[in-house]
N, C-alpha and C. Protein backbone atom coordinates (compact mmCIF):
# COMPACT_ATOMS: atom_id res chain seq x y z
N MET A 1 -23.28 7.84 22.67
CA MET A 1 -22.71 7.81 23.99
C MET A 1 -21.75 8.79 24.30
N PRO A 2 -21.87 9.08 25.41
CA PRO A 2 -21.19 10.39 25.61
C PRO A 2 -19.48 10.26 25.58
N ALA A 3 -18.88 11.38 25.63
CA ALA A 3 -17.12 11.33 25.19
C ALA A 3 -16.55 10.63 26.17
N ASP A 4 -17.10 10.35 27.46
CA ASP A 4 -16.28 10.10 29.06
C ASP A 4 -16.57 8.09 28.79
N ARG A 5 -17.36 8.05 28.16
CA ARG A 5 -17.79 6.21 27.69
C ARG A 5 -17.78 5.90 26.58
N VAL A 6 -16.61 6.30 26.07
CA VAL A 6 -15.89 5.55 24.81
C VAL A 6 -15.84 4.12 25.15
N ARG A 7 -16.03 3.22 24.62
CA ARG A 7 -15.65 1.77 24.78
C ARG A 7 -14.31 1.29 23.60
N GLU A 8 -13.49 0.46 24.66
CA GLU A 8 -12.25 0.42 23.90
C GLU A 8 -12.73 -1.17 22.79
N PRO A 9 -11.77 -1.15 21.69
CA PRO A 9 -12.19 -2.35 20.91
C PRO A 9 -11.80 -3.42 21.47
N ARG A 10 -12.30 -4.59 21.09
CA ARG A 10 -11.86 -6.00 22.05
C ARG A 10 -10.83 -6.14 21.13
N GLU A 11 -9.67 -6.81 22.34
CA GLU A 11 -8.41 -7.08 21.99
C GLU A 11 -7.59 -8.45 22.45
N SER A 12 -6.98 -8.91 21.77
CA SER A 12 -6.42 -10.24 22.14
C SER A 12 -4.75 -10.21 22.01
N ARG A 13 -4.08 -10.52 22.36
CA ARG A 13 -3.19 -10.87 22.14
C ARG A 13 -2.11 -12.38 22.31
N LEU A 14 -1.53 -12.63 21.37
CA LEU A 14 -1.04 -14.13 20.78
C LEU A 14 0.65 -13.89 20.97
N THR A 15 1.27 -15.04 20.89
CA THR A 15 2.93 -15.14 20.98
C THR A 15 2.76 -16.30 19.64
N VAL A 16 3.61 -15.69 18.70
CA VAL A 16 3.57 -16.40 17.67
C VAL A 16 5.23 -16.91 17.21
N GLU A 17 5.52 -18.26 16.90
CA GLU A 17 7.02 -18.55 16.48
C GLU A 17 7.16 -18.68 14.78
N VAL A 18 7.77 -18.11 14.09
CA VAL A 18 7.44 -17.54 13.17
C VAL A 18 8.82 -18.19 12.24
N ARG A 19 8.64 -19.02 11.33
CA ARG A 19 9.55 -19.84 10.10
C ARG A 19 9.33 -19.14 9.14
N PRO A 20 10.23 -18.12 8.48
CA PRO A 20 10.49 -17.88 7.30
C PRO A 20 10.74 -19.05 6.29
N ARG A 21 10.72 -18.73 4.97
CA ARG A 21 11.32 -19.42 3.86
C ARG A 21 10.45 -20.70 3.79
N ALA A 22 9.51 -21.02 4.19
CA ALA A 22 8.76 -22.55 4.23
C ALA A 22 8.37 -22.56 2.60
N ALA A 23 7.80 -23.84 2.48
CA ALA A 23 7.39 -24.23 1.20
C ALA A 23 5.92 -23.61 1.50
N ARG A 24 5.13 -23.47 2.03
CA ARG A 24 3.57 -22.52 1.81
C ARG A 24 3.38 -21.63 3.02
N ASN A 25 2.69 -20.87 3.24
CA ASN A 25 1.98 -20.51 4.54
C ASN A 25 0.94 -21.14 4.81
N GLU A 26 1.41 -21.30 6.34
CA GLU A 26 0.38 -22.04 7.34
C GLU A 26 0.54 -22.18 8.60
N ILE A 27 -0.62 -21.97 9.34
CA ILE A 27 -0.59 -22.11 11.06
C ILE A 27 -0.12 -23.86 10.94
N ALA A 28 1.34 -23.87 11.31
CA ALA A 28 1.70 -25.21 11.82
C ALA A 28 1.16 -25.86 12.82
N ALA A 29 1.32 -25.06 14.00
CA ALA A 29 0.73 -26.12 15.15
C ALA A 29 1.07 -25.24 16.41
N GLN A 30 0.54 -25.65 17.81
CA GLN A 30 0.15 -24.94 18.20
C GLN A 30 1.63 -25.28 19.55
N ALA A 31 2.52 -24.36 20.03
CA ALA A 31 3.83 -25.00 20.37
C ALA A 31 3.89 -24.51 21.92
N GLY A 32 3.34 -25.49 22.93
CA GLY A 32 3.33 -24.31 24.30
C GLY A 32 1.96 -23.17 24.19
N ALA A 33 2.49 -22.26 24.98
CA ALA A 33 1.22 -20.77 24.40
C ALA A 33 1.55 -20.37 23.41
N ALA A 34 2.69 -21.22 22.53
CA ALA A 34 2.96 -19.74 21.47
C ALA A 34 2.07 -20.78 19.93
N LEU A 35 1.63 -20.10 18.81
CA LEU A 35 1.15 -20.67 17.91
C LEU A 35 2.56 -20.63 16.78
N ARG A 36 3.21 -21.85 16.03
CA ARG A 36 4.07 -22.07 15.06
C ARG A 36 3.47 -21.32 13.95
N VAL A 37 4.01 -20.34 12.96
CA VAL A 37 3.64 -20.19 11.95
C VAL A 37 4.75 -20.46 10.74
N ARG A 38 4.24 -20.90 9.45
CA ARG A 38 5.17 -20.71 8.85
C ARG A 38 4.98 -19.81 7.49
N VAL A 39 5.79 -19.21 6.91
CA VAL A 39 5.61 -18.32 5.81
C VAL A 39 6.60 -18.63 4.67
N THR A 40 6.30 -18.02 3.49
CA THR A 40 7.18 -18.56 2.26
C THR A 40 8.00 -17.53 2.49
N ALA A 41 7.93 -15.98 2.88
CA ALA A 41 8.71 -15.16 2.50
C ALA A 41 9.93 -15.35 3.58
N PRO A 42 11.02 -14.15 2.67
CA PRO A 42 12.36 -14.27 3.55
C PRO A 42 12.36 -13.02 4.57
N PRO A 43 13.12 -13.45 5.54
CA PRO A 43 12.90 -12.41 6.79
C PRO A 43 13.30 -10.77 6.47
N ALA A 44 13.90 -10.52 5.03
CA ALA A 44 14.98 -9.36 4.86
C ALA A 44 13.64 -8.70 4.28
N GLY A 45 13.89 -7.04 4.87
CA GLY A 45 13.12 -6.17 4.66
C GLY A 45 11.39 -6.16 4.84
N GLY A 46 11.45 -7.11 6.10
CA GLY A 46 9.89 -7.14 6.40
C GLY A 46 8.97 -7.67 5.83
N ALA A 47 9.65 -8.96 5.16
CA ALA A 47 8.69 -9.28 4.02
C ALA A 47 7.84 -10.43 4.80
N ALA A 48 8.62 -11.16 5.83
CA ALA A 48 8.31 -12.50 6.50
C ALA A 48 7.17 -11.93 7.65
N ASN A 49 7.20 -10.38 8.38
CA ASN A 49 6.38 -9.99 9.20
C ASN A 49 5.09 -9.89 8.52
N GLU A 50 5.23 -8.96 7.05
CA GLU A 50 3.90 -8.59 6.40
C GLU A 50 3.41 -10.09 6.31
N ALA A 51 4.06 -11.11 5.75
CA ALA A 51 3.35 -12.57 5.40
C ALA A 51 2.95 -12.98 6.67
N VAL A 52 3.14 -12.93 8.02
CA VAL A 52 2.62 -13.20 9.02
C VAL A 52 1.16 -12.51 9.20
N ARG A 53 1.33 -10.96 9.13
CA ARG A 53 0.23 -10.39 9.29
C ARG A 53 -0.80 -10.76 8.42
N ALA A 54 -0.22 -11.22 7.11
CA ALA A 54 -1.72 -11.54 6.31
C ALA A 54 -2.32 -12.74 6.52
N LEU A 55 -1.52 -13.64 7.03
CA LEU A 55 -1.67 -15.33 6.85
C LEU A 55 -3.17 -14.88 8.53
N LEU A 56 -2.24 -14.49 9.26
CA LEU A 56 -3.15 -14.18 10.52
C LEU A 56 -4.33 -13.56 10.62
N ALA A 57 -4.48 -12.52 9.45
CA ALA A 57 -6.05 -11.61 9.35
C ALA A 57 -6.62 -12.34 8.66
N ARG A 58 -6.20 -13.38 7.45
CA ARG A 58 -6.97 -14.26 6.63
C ARG A 58 -7.63 -15.57 7.66
N VAL A 59 -6.87 -16.16 8.39
CA VAL A 59 -7.45 -17.39 9.09
C VAL A 59 -8.05 -17.08 10.25
N LEU A 60 -8.06 -15.64 10.94
CA LEU A 60 -8.94 -15.28 11.64
C LEU A 60 -10.27 -14.43 11.49
N ASP A 61 -10.17 -14.22 10.12
CA ASP A 61 -11.14 -13.41 9.28
C ASP A 61 -11.34 -12.01 9.75
N ARG A 62 -10.52 -11.24 9.88
CA ARG A 62 -9.95 -9.85 10.17
C ARG A 62 -9.46 -9.18 9.31
N PRO A 63 -9.50 -7.93 9.38
CA PRO A 63 -8.59 -6.92 8.22
C PRO A 63 -7.11 -7.14 8.61
N ARG A 64 -6.29 -6.72 7.74
CA ARG A 64 -5.11 -6.69 7.92
C ARG A 64 -4.54 -5.90 9.09
N SER A 65 -5.21 -4.61 9.05
CA SER A 65 -4.88 -3.45 10.08
C SER A 65 -5.38 -3.97 11.68
N ALA A 66 -5.93 -4.76 11.45
CA ALA A 66 -6.23 -5.56 12.88
C ALA A 66 -5.34 -6.29 13.56
N VAL A 67 -4.45 -6.47 12.61
CA VAL A 67 -3.34 -7.55 13.29
C VAL A 67 -1.71 -6.73 13.44
N THR A 68 -1.48 -6.37 14.52
CA THR A 68 -0.13 -5.82 14.63
C THR A 68 0.94 -6.40 15.13
N ILE A 69 2.05 -6.12 15.05
CA ILE A 69 3.12 -6.85 15.52
C ILE A 69 3.81 -6.03 16.42
N LEU A 70 3.58 -6.17 18.21
CA LEU A 70 4.41 -5.59 19.00
C LEU A 70 5.20 -5.16 19.23
N ARG A 71 5.93 -6.78 19.22
CA ARG A 71 7.17 -6.98 19.79
C ARG A 71 7.97 -7.93 18.68
N GLY A 72 9.17 -7.97 18.82
CA GLY A 72 9.92 -9.00 18.08
C GLY A 72 10.02 -8.64 16.52
N GLN A 73 9.99 -7.55 16.15
CA GLN A 73 10.04 -7.37 14.87
C GLN A 73 11.15 -7.84 13.67
N SER A 74 12.15 -7.95 14.33
CA SER A 74 13.22 -8.63 13.80
C SER A 74 13.64 -10.06 14.55
N ALA A 75 12.71 -10.39 15.17
CA ALA A 75 12.86 -12.03 16.27
C ALA A 75 11.73 -13.02 15.49
N ARG A 76 12.20 -14.40 15.73
CA ARG A 76 11.09 -15.12 15.14
C ARG A 76 10.18 -15.52 16.45
N THR A 77 10.27 -15.12 17.14
CA THR A 77 8.92 -15.12 18.01
C THR A 77 8.46 -13.44 18.52
N LYS A 78 7.21 -13.76 17.99
CA LYS A 78 6.55 -12.22 18.30
C LYS A 78 5.28 -12.19 19.09
N LEU A 79 5.17 -11.00 19.63
CA LEU A 79 3.71 -10.85 20.33
C LEU A 79 2.58 -9.94 19.21
N ILE A 80 2.00 -10.63 18.89
CA ILE A 80 0.74 -9.84 18.04
C ILE A 80 -0.33 -9.09 18.78
N ARG A 81 -0.99 -8.65 18.43
CA ARG A 81 -2.18 -7.62 18.90
C ARG A 81 -3.49 -8.31 17.75
N VAL A 82 -4.37 -8.78 18.29
CA VAL A 82 -5.46 -8.69 17.30
C VAL A 82 -6.62 -7.79 17.75
N THR A 83 -6.74 -6.96 17.08
CA THR A 83 -8.17 -6.23 17.80
C THR A 83 -9.49 -6.70 16.80
N GLY A 84 -10.29 -6.53 17.96
CA GLY A 84 -11.80 -6.77 17.54
C GLY A 84 -12.43 -8.14 17.83
N LEU A 85 -11.24 -9.21 18.33
CA LEU A 85 -11.65 -10.36 19.21
C LEU A 85 -11.35 -10.34 20.32
N SER A 86 -12.27 -10.53 21.26
CA SER A 86 -11.75 -11.04 22.52
C SER A 86 -10.90 -12.29 22.86
N PRO A 87 -10.09 -12.24 23.90
CA PRO A 87 -9.42 -13.78 23.65
C PRO A 87 -10.25 -15.17 23.92
N ASP A 88 -11.71 -15.39 24.17
CA ASP A 88 -12.51 -16.39 23.92
C ASP A 88 -12.36 -16.26 22.58
N GLU A 89 -12.75 -15.46 21.68
CA GLU A 89 -13.01 -15.60 20.28
C GLU A 89 -11.95 -15.91 19.44
N LEU A 90 -10.99 -15.25 20.12
CA LEU A 90 -9.64 -15.78 19.22
C LEU A 90 -9.18 -17.56 19.67
N GLU A 91 -8.97 -17.77 20.64
CA GLU A 91 -8.91 -19.19 20.91
C GLU A 91 -10.20 -20.33 19.92
N ALA A 92 -11.35 -19.68 20.46
CA ALA A 92 -12.14 -20.66 19.25
C ALA A 92 -12.23 -20.64 18.02
N ARG A 93 -11.26 -19.30 17.43
CA ARG A 93 -11.24 -19.22 15.79
C ARG A 93 -10.01 -20.22 15.73
N LEU A 94 -8.86 -20.42 16.17
CA LEU A 94 -7.35 -21.15 16.72
C LEU A 94 -7.97 -22.47 16.38
N ALA A 95 -8.71 -22.80 17.76
CA ALA A 95 -9.41 -24.31 17.57
C ALA A 95 -9.97 -24.71 16.35
N ALA A 96 -10.43 -23.82 15.82
CA ALA A 96 -11.17 -24.23 14.53
C ALA A 96 -10.40 -25.10 13.29
N LEU A 97 -9.18 -24.48 13.67
CA LEU A 97 -8.10 -24.44 12.50
C LEU A 97 -7.95 -25.87 12.29
N ARG A 98 -7.94 -26.66 13.83
CA ARG A 98 -7.10 -27.59 14.02
C ARG A 98 -8.03 -28.96 13.73
């Protein structure tokens, strides 16, 4: 493929509401346009952020490097980018969890 026609990887974005210090790591519910996630890790030192990335990577069957926090590193509501999945594929994988 010529250099001027390099294709960008598929990418999706997802709003996530995080509840740290939960009893277990889980996708709790769809809360409007956001996905509610519970993680056992505390918010200190970015541990909850890493737990969210690991959980989403596992349930979406993507490597952890494909899950990036774009906005909200120190907030409960985060904007997450998932590379390698189209928005339709992301929706299908999340629907399969319900």
